[in-house]
Protein backbone atom coordinates (compact mmCIF):
# COMPACT_ATOMS: atom_id res chain seq x y z
CA MET A 1 -70.18 205.64 -244.18
CA LYS A 2 -70.61 208.14 -247.00
CA LYS A 3 -73.70 209.65 -245.41
CA THR A 4 -71.68 210.80 -242.43
CA LEU A 5 -69.19 212.78 -244.52
CA ALA A 6 -69.98 216.42 -245.10
CA PHE A 7 -68.09 218.57 -247.60
CA ASP A 8 -68.25 221.90 -249.30
CA LYS A 9 -69.42 221.63 -252.94
CA ARG A 10 -65.91 222.35 -254.16
CA THR A 11 -63.08 219.84 -254.04
CA PHE A 12 -60.60 220.36 -251.22
CA LEU A 13 -56.98 219.92 -252.23
CA ILE A 14 -54.79 219.26 -249.20
CA PRO A 15 -50.99 219.63 -249.25
CA LEU A 16 -49.43 216.32 -248.29
CA THR A 17 -47.06 218.07 -245.90
CA LEU A 18 -50.11 219.23 -243.89
CA ILE A 19 -51.50 215.68 -243.85
CA VAL A 20 -48.19 214.30 -242.61
CA GLY A 21 -47.99 216.92 -239.87
CA LEU A 22 -51.55 216.28 -238.71
CA PHE A 23 -51.11 212.51 -238.73
CA PHE A 24 -47.97 212.58 -236.62
CA TRP A 25 -49.29 215.28 -234.30
CA PHE A 26 -52.45 213.39 -233.43
CA SER A 27 -50.93 209.96 -232.97
CA ALA A 28 -47.60 210.88 -231.38
CA ASP A 29 -48.79 212.34 -228.05
CA VAL A 30 -45.52 214.45 -227.59
CA GLN A 31 -43.27 211.89 -229.19
CA SER A 32 -43.58 210.36 -232.67
CA GLN A 33 -44.16 206.65 -232.56
CA THR A 34 -45.34 206.34 -236.15
CA GLY A 35 -43.84 205.46 -239.48
CA GLY A 36 -43.85 202.36 -241.61
CA ASP A 37 -44.53 200.88 -244.96
CA ASP A 38 -47.63 201.81 -246.90
CA LYS A 39 -49.20 198.34 -246.51
CA PRO A 40 -52.68 197.38 -245.34
CA ASN A 41 -51.28 195.86 -242.15
CA ALA A 42 -48.56 198.36 -241.25
CA VAL A 43 -48.46 201.86 -239.83
CA PRO A 44 -49.14 203.97 -242.94
CA ARG A 45 -46.87 206.58 -244.42
CA LEU A 46 -46.51 208.57 -247.63
CA SER A 47 -44.67 206.67 -250.31
CA GLY A 48 -44.40 205.94 -254.00
CA SER A 49 -45.57 208.64 -256.38
CA LEU A 50 -47.19 210.75 -253.68
CA ALA A 51 -44.13 211.74 -251.69
CA ALA A 52 -41.08 210.39 -249.95
CA GLN A 53 -40.82 210.39 -246.18
CA ASP A 54 -37.92 209.61 -243.90
CA SER A 55 -38.13 207.48 -240.76
CA GLY A 56 -38.55 210.51 -238.53
CA GLY A 57 -41.88 211.41 -240.08
CA GLN A 58 -40.71 214.42 -242.11
CA SER A 59 -41.49 214.85 -245.77
CA ALA A 60 -38.39 214.30 -247.85
CA ALA A 61 -39.90 215.95 -250.91
CA PRO A 62 -38.70 219.52 -251.67
CA ALA A 63 -41.22 222.19 -250.72
CA GLN A 64 -41.49 223.45 -254.29
CA GLN A 65 -42.56 219.95 -255.38
CA GLU A 66 -45.39 219.71 -252.85
CA THR A 67 -48.07 217.30 -254.00
CA THR A 68 -51.78 217.70 -253.28
CA ILE A 69 -54.53 215.16 -252.80
CA SER A 70 -58.27 215.75 -252.62
CA ILE A 71 -60.65 214.65 -249.91
CA GLN A 72 -62.53 212.64 -252.52
CA ASP A 73 -59.35 210.78 -253.45
CA LEU A 74 -58.66 210.06 -249.81
CA ILE A 75 -62.17 208.68 -249.33
CA ALA A 76 -61.87 206.53 -252.45
CA ARG A 77 -58.58 205.11 -251.24
CA ALA A 78 -59.90 204.53 -247.73
CA GLU A 79 -63.02 202.78 -249.01
CA ALA A 80 -60.70 200.58 -251.10
CA ASN A 81 -59.07 199.45 -247.82
CA ASP A 82 -56.05 201.76 -248.00
CA THR A 83 -55.10 202.08 -244.31
CA TRP A 84 -52.92 205.14 -244.88
CA ALA A 85 -55.94 207.01 -246.25
CA MET A 86 -58.09 205.79 -243.36
CA MET A 87 -55.61 207.18 -240.82
CA VAL A 88 -55.27 210.48 -242.66
CA LEU A 89 -59.04 210.94 -242.83
CA ALA A 90 -59.39 210.05 -239.14
CA THR A 91 -56.71 212.57 -238.25
CA LEU A 92 -58.25 215.30 -240.41
CA TYR A 93 -61.70 214.81 -238.86
CA SER A 94 -60.24 214.89 -235.35
CA SER A 95 -58.31 218.11 -236.07
CA ASN A 96 -59.35 221.71 -236.53
CA THR A 97 -58.47 222.44 -240.17
CA ASN A 98 -60.13 224.00 -243.20
CA ALA A 99 -60.09 220.69 -245.07
CA VAL A 100 -63.14 219.17 -243.42
CA LYS A 101 -65.48 220.06 -240.59
CA GLN A 102 -64.22 218.60 -237.33
CA ASN A 103 -66.23 215.50 -236.46
CA PHE A 104 -64.90 213.19 -233.74
CA GLY A 105 -67.58 210.59 -234.47
CA THR A 106 -66.45 210.27 -238.09
CA ALA A 107 -62.82 210.24 -236.98
CA LEU A 108 -63.61 207.40 -234.61
CA GLN A 109 -65.19 205.39 -237.43
CA TRP A 110 -62.09 205.71 -239.61
CA PHE A 111 -59.75 204.87 -236.73
CA GLN A 112 -61.88 201.79 -236.07
CA LYS A 113 -61.68 200.71 -239.72
CA ALA A 114 -57.90 201.15 -239.65
CA ALA A 115 -57.70 199.18 -236.40
CA ASP A 116 -59.81 196.42 -237.91
CA ALA A 117 -57.23 196.30 -240.72
CA GLY A 118 -54.43 195.82 -238.16
CA VAL A 119 -52.92 199.32 -237.80
CA ALA A 120 -51.33 199.52 -234.35
CA GLU A 121 -51.48 203.32 -234.13
CA ALA A 122 -55.22 203.19 -234.75
CA PHE A 123 -55.68 201.17 -231.55
CA VAL A 124 -53.77 203.85 -229.62
CA ASN A 125 -56.03 206.57 -231.02
CA LEU A 126 -59.15 204.51 -230.25
CA GLY A 127 -57.89 204.13 -226.70
CA ASN A 128 -57.46 207.90 -226.43
CA ALA A 129 -60.98 208.49 -227.78
CA TYR A 130 -62.63 206.05 -225.37
CA GLU A 131 -60.55 207.28 -222.44
CA VAL A 132 -61.64 210.92 -222.72
CA GLY A 133 -64.87 210.51 -224.70
CA LEU A 134 -64.13 211.92 -228.18
CA GLY A 135 -66.82 210.96 -230.65
CA THR A 136 -68.23 208.50 -228.14
CA ALA A 137 -69.13 208.19 -224.49
CA PRO A 138 -66.13 207.61 -222.21
CA ASP A 139 -65.56 203.90 -221.70
CA ILE A 140 -62.46 203.00 -219.73
CA LYS A 141 -62.84 199.29 -220.43
CA LYS A 142 -62.80 199.88 -224.20
CA ALA A 143 -59.88 202.29 -223.74
CA VAL A 144 -57.87 199.66 -221.89
CA ASP A 145 -58.79 196.98 -224.42
CA ASN A 146 -57.56 199.12 -227.31
CA TYR A 147 -54.40 200.21 -225.51
CA GLN A 148 -53.70 196.56 -224.72
CA LYS A 149 -54.04 195.57 -228.37
CA ALA A 150 -51.60 198.31 -229.35
CA ALA A 151 -49.22 197.32 -226.55
CA ASP A 152 -49.33 193.71 -227.73
CA MET A 153 -48.24 195.04 -231.14
CA GLY A 154 -45.19 196.70 -229.59
CA GLN A 155 -46.44 200.28 -229.23
CA ALA A 156 -44.54 201.91 -226.35
CA GLN A 157 -47.05 204.77 -226.26
CA ALA A 158 -49.78 202.26 -225.40
CA ASP A 159 -47.60 200.80 -222.64
CA PHE A 160 -47.28 204.32 -221.22
CA LYS A 161 -51.02 204.94 -221.35
CA LEU A 162 -51.71 201.66 -219.56
CA ALA A 163 -49.06 202.53 -216.98
CA THR A 164 -50.69 205.86 -216.14
CA LEU A 165 -54.15 204.32 -215.93
CA TYR A 166 -53.09 201.56 -213.55
CA LEU A 167 -50.83 203.81 -211.45
CA ASN A 168 -53.43 206.56 -211.01
CA GLY A 169 -56.40 204.25 -210.64
CA LEU A 170 -58.86 207.04 -211.45
CA ASP A 171 -61.23 205.06 -213.65
CA LEU A 172 -60.18 201.49 -212.88
CA THR A 173 -58.75 199.62 -209.92
CA ARG A 174 -55.28 200.86 -209.06
CA ASP A 175 -52.62 198.23 -209.65
CA ILE A 176 -49.18 199.65 -208.92
CA PRO A 177 -47.16 196.51 -209.81
CA LYS A 178 -48.94 196.25 -213.16
CA GLY A 179 -48.58 199.98 -213.74
CA MET A 180 -44.84 199.86 -213.07
CA GLU A 181 -44.51 196.83 -215.35
CA TYR A 182 -46.09 198.75 -218.22
CA LEU A 183 -44.02 201.84 -217.40
CA ASN A 184 -40.82 199.80 -217.56
CA LYS A 185 -41.89 198.45 -220.96
CA ALA A 186 -42.55 201.98 -222.22
CA VAL A 187 -39.16 203.12 -220.93
CA ALA A 188 -37.51 200.16 -222.65
CA GLY A 189 -39.33 201.31 -225.80
CA ASN A 190 -37.66 204.74 -225.41
CA PHE A 191 -40.97 206.60 -225.03
CA ASN A 192 -39.95 210.02 -223.75
CA ASN A 193 -42.98 210.70 -221.54
CA ALA A 194 -42.42 207.35 -219.84
CA ILE A 195 -38.77 208.17 -219.19
CA MET A 196 -39.82 211.50 -217.65
CA LEU A 197 -42.42 209.79 -215.46
CA GLU A 198 -39.84 207.24 -214.34
CA GLY A 199 -37.54 210.12 -213.33
CA ALA A 200 -40.33 211.87 -211.42
CA ILE A 201 -41.23 208.66 -209.57
CA LEU A 202 -37.61 208.01 -208.61
CA TYR A 203 -37.05 211.65 -207.64
CA SER A 204 -40.01 211.78 -205.24
CA GLY A 205 -40.31 208.13 -204.24
CA LEU A 206 -43.84 207.75 -205.64
CA PHE A 207 -45.95 204.62 -206.15
CA GLU A 208 -44.16 202.58 -203.48
CA GLN A 209 -40.80 203.04 -205.23
CA PRO A 210 -37.71 203.98 -203.20
CA ARG A 211 -36.41 207.49 -203.72
CA ASP A 212 -33.19 207.40 -205.73
CA LEU A 213 -31.83 210.75 -206.88
CA THR A 214 -28.98 209.22 -208.85
CA LYS A 215 -31.30 207.02 -210.90
CA ALA A 216 -33.73 209.92 -211.26
CA LYS A 217 -30.91 212.02 -212.68
CA ASP A 218 -30.08 209.24 -215.14
CA SER A 219 -33.71 209.12 -216.31
CA PHE A 220 -33.90 212.89 -216.74
CA LEU A 221 -30.58 212.80 -218.60
CA LYS A 222 -31.92 210.15 -220.99
CA ALA A 223 -35.03 212.25 -221.64
CA ALA A 224 -32.94 215.41 -222.06
CA ASN A 225 -30.75 213.67 -224.63
CA GLN A 226 -33.92 213.21 -226.68
CA GLY A 227 -34.48 216.98 -226.61
CA ASN A 228 -36.96 217.23 -223.73
CA PRO A 229 -36.71 220.76 -222.22
CA ALA A 230 -38.61 219.76 -219.05
CA ALA A 231 -35.91 217.18 -218.34
CA MET A 232 -33.24 219.81 -218.95
CA LEU A 233 -34.88 222.14 -216.43
CA ARG A 234 -35.03 219.34 -213.85
CA LEU A 235 -31.33 218.58 -214.41
CA ALA A 236 -30.49 222.28 -214.06
CA ALA A 237 -32.22 222.47 -210.68
CA MET A 238 -30.63 219.21 -209.51
CA ALA A 239 -27.16 220.37 -210.57
CA ILE A 240 -27.48 223.62 -208.64
CA ALA A 241 -28.92 221.89 -205.55
CA GLY A 242 -26.46 218.99 -205.72
CA GLU A 243 -29.18 216.33 -205.98
CA GLY A 244 -27.94 213.04 -207.41
CA MET A 245 -24.69 214.77 -208.38
CA GLU A 246 -22.17 217.24 -207.01
CA ALA A 247 -23.49 220.79 -206.82
CA ASN A 248 -22.28 222.67 -209.88
CA LYS A 249 -23.66 226.11 -210.70
CA ASN A 250 -21.81 226.14 -214.02
CA GLU A 251 -23.49 222.89 -215.08
CA GLY A 252 -26.84 224.15 -213.83
CA LEU A 253 -26.64 227.31 -215.93
CA LYS A 254 -25.72 225.29 -219.01
CA TRP A 255 -28.79 223.08 -218.56
CA TYR A 256 -30.99 226.16 -218.16
CA LEU A 257 -29.53 227.69 -221.33
CA LEU A 258 -29.98 224.41 -223.15
CA ALA A 259 -33.62 224.20 -222.05
CA GLN A 260 -34.14 227.66 -223.54
CA GLU A 261 -32.52 226.48 -226.77
CA PHE A 262 -35.14 223.72 -226.88
CA GLY A 263 -38.11 226.00 -226.30
CA ALA A 264 -38.41 226.70 -222.55
CA THR A 265 -39.40 230.38 -222.70
CA ALA A 266 -41.20 231.06 -219.41
CA GLN A 267 -40.26 234.38 -217.82
CA GLU A 268 -39.37 232.74 -214.50
CA ILE A 269 -36.75 230.65 -216.31
CA GLN A 270 -35.19 233.78 -217.77
CA THR A 271 -35.24 235.37 -214.30
CA THR A 272 -33.40 232.35 -212.90
CA VAL A 273 -30.88 232.45 -215.74
CA ASP A 274 -30.25 236.17 -215.21
CA GLY A 275 -29.70 235.55 -211.50
CA LEU A 276 -27.20 232.78 -212.18
CA LYS A 277 -25.32 234.87 -214.73
CA ALA A 278 -24.60 237.42 -212.00
CA SER A 279 -22.11 234.91 -210.56
CA PHE A 280 -20.07 234.79 -213.79
CA THR A 281 -17.93 237.24 -215.73
CA ALA A 282 -18.94 238.41 -219.17
CA ALA A 283 -16.20 236.26 -220.70
CA GLN A 284 -17.38 233.18 -218.77
CA ILE A 285 -20.97 233.77 -219.86
CA ALA A 286 -19.92 234.13 -223.51
CA ALA A 287 -17.97 230.87 -223.27
CA LEU A 288 -20.92 229.11 -221.62
CA GLU A 289 -23.34 230.35 -224.27
CA LYS A 290 -20.99 229.23 -227.06
CA GLU A 291 -20.60 225.82 -225.44
CA THR A 292 -24.37 225.54 -225.02
CA LYS A 293 -24.98 226.31 -228.70
CA GLU A 294 -22.53 223.59 -229.72
CA TRP A 295 -24.08 221.23 -227.19
CA ALA A 296 -27.55 221.97 -228.54
CA ASP A 297 -26.50 221.20 -232.13
CA LYS A 298 -25.00 217.89 -231.04
CA LEU A 299 -28.05 217.04 -228.95
CA ARG A 300 -30.43 217.79 -231.83
CA ALA A 301 -28.48 215.41 -234.04
CA GLU A 302 -28.52 212.72 -231.36
CA ALA A 303 -32.24 213.27 -230.70
CA ALA A 304 -32.95 212.94 -234.43
CA ASN A 305 -31.07 209.64 -234.52
CA ILE A 306 -33.01 208.36 -231.50
CA ALA A 307 -36.32 209.45 -233.05
CA ALA A 308 -35.43 207.66 -236.27
CA ALA A 309 -34.53 204.50 -234.36
CA ASN A 310 -37.78 204.70 -232.37
CA ALA A 311 -39.80 205.13 -235.56
CA ALA A 312 -38.06 202.17 -237.18
CA ALA A 313 -38.73 200.04 -234.10
CA ALA A 314 -42.39 201.11 -234.07
CA ARG A 315 -42.74 200.23 -237.76
CA ALA A 316 -41.20 196.82 -237.20
CA ALA A 317 -43.42 196.18 -234.16
CA ALA A 318 -46.53 197.21 -236.07
CA GLU A 319 -45.92 194.78 -238.91
CA VAL A 320 -48.53 192.00 -238.95
CA PRO A 321 -47.48 188.83 -240.84
CA GLN A 322 -49.45 188.28 -244.03
């Protein structure tokens, strides 16, 4: 393994906050599914003397007390069967940072070692690599095998990946019943992308499912309550058109404003918002904007609680009995 690692002659010191961000970015796929105890057979996290981390994946250590760790230390820990270090190294090599030269092949090796040690998230990342061909030739069978192992360990993200593969049938035989079964499991696991896909399927009547605007609205609402701006935009359009609910321009404008609060910045959205505001007085608009700000604060708190619960569930599901 050491022969595949290439470094500058100097020692790289990497802030732990960067490592945490990279780890959760790579493995979350829009929504964080990671977290867990720093044990050989659990999803790794920072703990002990290195740093404290809450269940949502954010460093709890004050910024001024940021701790650093060298690449050499990470390698030593990984080679001593520390799964947290394996996952961090895999994430660093799969990312474009100044710490190490990007090398998907090396990243794949570390993800495989972590998977061999029983880390559920590593199986998800291996599935991603084999699905698209990162560090290896694309191999849909190996992708499915790894996603299945992660799904068997309770990873909702893996259920979602299997659902999309079976529903689309691009690289394997389409199996709509099986795809919907995995999608329902991912939705039950509160995976946001799965909830959005469920809403889209119900809205348009896709994959042999009956069109149901009311249930589609409920799915989009659930996703929106987790802070998903795309779901907010869909609810805004449905409120204005009266789809799955009574037409309500006031409610529609609030959802558009809320989507902007959560990062929807496209110019066409602003154009739509400006057009809707023309139907309201200045006082009404001020009241709506104030209400939206309060709504956004409440929603962020609720979304944080949901994310924490999801992370705790993922940690529990990833635990492998000793």
